[in-house]
């Protein structure tokens, strides 16, 4: 069951790199975003690798770090499934897991966080994160 909304952010893709092909096309995508997490203003920086699947969806794995305006940090790792919503625009759904020593963000250490992450054809991103109870 979905719990409380933990945070929201808006950002921009900062780089896209085509990776050597194993069996399907793979891209490495980095982004930065600003928003809130547990009521704190944060900057999120992340990179994920997206691999095309035969059915037209994508599988992705990524990692990143969120930093509060006061310099506290939380790292994250996650996975998800994406689908094209229009040419160049992708909607991702998945889960991320945080690790932090920050007292203000400590709640994240024991929580599975589910997300919605959208990226448009111009590289603008939006995401929302909920606690998964």
Protein backbone atom coordinates (compact mmCIF):
# COMPACT_ATOMS: atom_id res chain seq x y z
CA UNK A 1 0.00 0.00 0.00
CA UNK A 2 1.25 3.49 -0.78
CA UNK A 3 2.01 5.63 2.22
CA UNK A 4 2.75 9.32 2.47
CA UNK A 5 4.22 11.40 -0.33
CA UNK A 6 7.86 11.80 0.73
CA UNK A 7 8.98 14.25 -1.93
CA UNK A 8 8.70 15.79 -5.36
CA UNK A 9 11.25 17.29 -7.73
CA UNK A 10 11.75 18.84 -11.15
CA UNK A 11 14.95 18.77 -13.13
CA UNK A 12 16.81 18.33 -16.38
CA UNK A 13 18.73 15.58 -18.15
CA UNK A 14 22.38 16.66 -18.19
CA UNK A 15 23.92 13.97 -20.41
CA UNK A 16 23.07 10.93 -22.49
CA UNK A 17 25.67 8.40 -23.57
CA UNK A 18 25.14 5.40 -25.82
CA UNK A 19 26.79 2.34 -24.28
CA UNK A 20 28.33 -0.58 -26.14
CA UNK A 21 25.58 -2.95 -27.23
CA UNK A 22 25.40 -6.36 -25.64
CA UNK A 23 22.07 -7.67 -26.86
CA UNK A 24 19.85 -4.57 -26.84
CA UNK A 25 20.45 -0.81 -27.08
CA UNK A 26 21.56 0.73 -23.77
CA UNK A 27 21.80 4.36 -22.72
CA UNK A 28 23.45 6.00 -19.71
CA UNK A 29 21.44 9.05 -18.64
CA UNK A 30 22.37 11.60 -15.97
CA UNK A 31 20.14 14.29 -14.47
CA UNK A 32 19.96 16.93 -11.77
CA UNK A 33 16.76 18.03 -10.05
CA UNK A 34 15.57 20.28 -7.26
CA UNK A 35 12.66 19.65 -4.94
CA UNK A 36 11.72 18.50 -1.47
CA UNK A 37 12.26 15.30 0.49
CA UNK A 38 10.76 14.82 3.95
CA UNK A 39 10.07 18.56 4.02
CA UNK A 40 13.69 19.48 3.26
CA UNK A 41 14.80 21.35 0.13
CA UNK A 42 17.06 19.00 -1.83
CA UNK A 43 19.17 18.73 -4.95
CA UNK A 44 19.16 15.29 -6.54
CA UNK A 45 21.92 14.09 -8.88
CA UNK A 46 21.65 10.69 -10.50
CA UNK A 47 22.66 8.41 -13.33
CA UNK A 48 20.78 5.42 -14.66
CA UNK A 49 21.28 2.87 -17.41
CA UNK A 50 18.30 2.12 -19.59
CA UNK A 51 18.08 -1.04 -21.69
CA UNK A 52 15.46 -1.63 -24.38
CA UNK A 53 13.39 -4.79 -24.06
CA UNK A 54 11.83 -6.80 -26.91
CA UNK A 55 8.29 -5.70 -25.99
CA UNK A 56 9.17 -1.99 -26.39
CA UNK A 57 9.48 -1.25 -22.67
CA UNK A 58 12.74 -0.48 -20.91
CA UNK A 59 14.46 -1.71 -17.78
CA UNK A 60 16.63 0.69 -15.81
CA UNK A 61 18.98 0.69 -12.85
CA UNK A 62 20.46 3.79 -11.29
CA UNK A 63 22.12 5.47 -8.39
CA UNK A 64 22.51 8.95 -7.08
CA UNK A 65 22.73 11.30 -4.16
CA UNK A 66 20.38 13.86 -2.65
CA UNK A 67 21.77 16.78 -0.72
CA UNK A 68 19.74 19.10 1.51
CA UNK A 69 20.23 22.86 1.49
CA UNK A 70 22.05 22.36 4.83
CA UNK A 71 24.54 19.89 3.31
CA UNK A 72 23.08 16.63 4.62
CA UNK A 73 23.24 13.76 2.13
CA UNK A 74 21.44 10.55 1.28
CA UNK A 75 22.57 8.13 -1.42
CA UNK A 76 20.08 6.03 -3.36
CA UNK A 77 19.95 3.01 -5.67
CA UNK A 78 16.95 1.91 -7.66
CA UNK A 79 15.38 -0.05 -10.47
CA UNK A 80 12.39 0.52 -12.68
CA UNK A 81 10.47 -0.13 -15.85
CA UNK A 82 9.91 2.57 -18.46
CA UNK A 83 7.63 3.05 -21.41
CA UNK A 84 7.56 5.66 -24.14
CA UNK A 85 4.63 8.06 -23.81
CA UNK A 86 5.53 9.84 -27.08
CA UNK A 87 8.73 10.03 -29.17
CA UNK A 88 11.59 10.93 -26.82
CA UNK A 89 9.40 11.03 -23.68
CA UNK A 90 9.54 8.23 -21.11
CA UNK A 91 7.50 7.39 -18.00
CA UNK A 92 9.33 5.31 -15.38
CA UNK A 93 7.88 3.42 -12.40
CA UNK A 94 9.97 1.63 -9.83
CA UNK A 95 11.53 1.59 -6.38
CA UNK A 96 14.54 3.23 -4.79
CA UNK A 97 16.35 2.53 -1.54
CA UNK A 98 18.20 5.17 0.46
CA UNK A 99 21.17 5.10 2.78
CA UNK A 100 22.05 8.07 4.99
CA UNK A 101 23.66 9.12 8.26
CA UNK A 102 21.60 12.33 8.30
CA UNK A 103 19.30 12.58 11.32
CA UNK A 104 16.72 14.56 9.34
CA UNK A 105 16.63 11.96 6.57
CA UNK A 106 17.14 8.86 8.77
CA UNK A 107 13.57 7.65 8.17
CA UNK A 108 14.63 6.78 4.61
CA UNK A 109 17.01 4.04 5.79
CA UNK A 110 14.18 1.64 6.57
CA UNK A 111 11.77 2.49 3.75
CA UNK A 112 11.15 1.15 0.27
CA UNK A 113 10.34 4.22 -1.81
CA UNK A 114 8.24 3.86 -4.96
CA UNK A 115 8.48 6.51 -7.60
CA UNK A 116 7.00 7.98 -10.75
CA UNK A 117 9.67 9.62 -12.93
CA UNK A 118 8.79 11.36 -16.19
CA UNK A 119 11.21 12.71 -18.79
CA UNK A 120 10.01 14.67 -21.81
CA UNK A 121 11.55 14.94 -25.28
CA UNK A 122 13.45 18.07 -24.21
CA UNK A 123 15.02 16.36 -21.18
CA UNK A 124 12.87 18.01 -18.50
CA UNK A 125 12.18 15.64 -15.61
CA UNK A 126 9.55 15.39 -12.88
CA UNK A 127 9.27 12.83 -10.12
CA UNK A 128 7.26 11.95 -7.05
CA UNK A 129 8.32 9.56 -4.28
CA UNK A 130 6.04 7.69 -1.87
CA UNK A 131 6.69 5.44 1.08
CA UNK A 132 5.68 1.86 0.32
CA UNK A 133 4.10 0.37 3.43
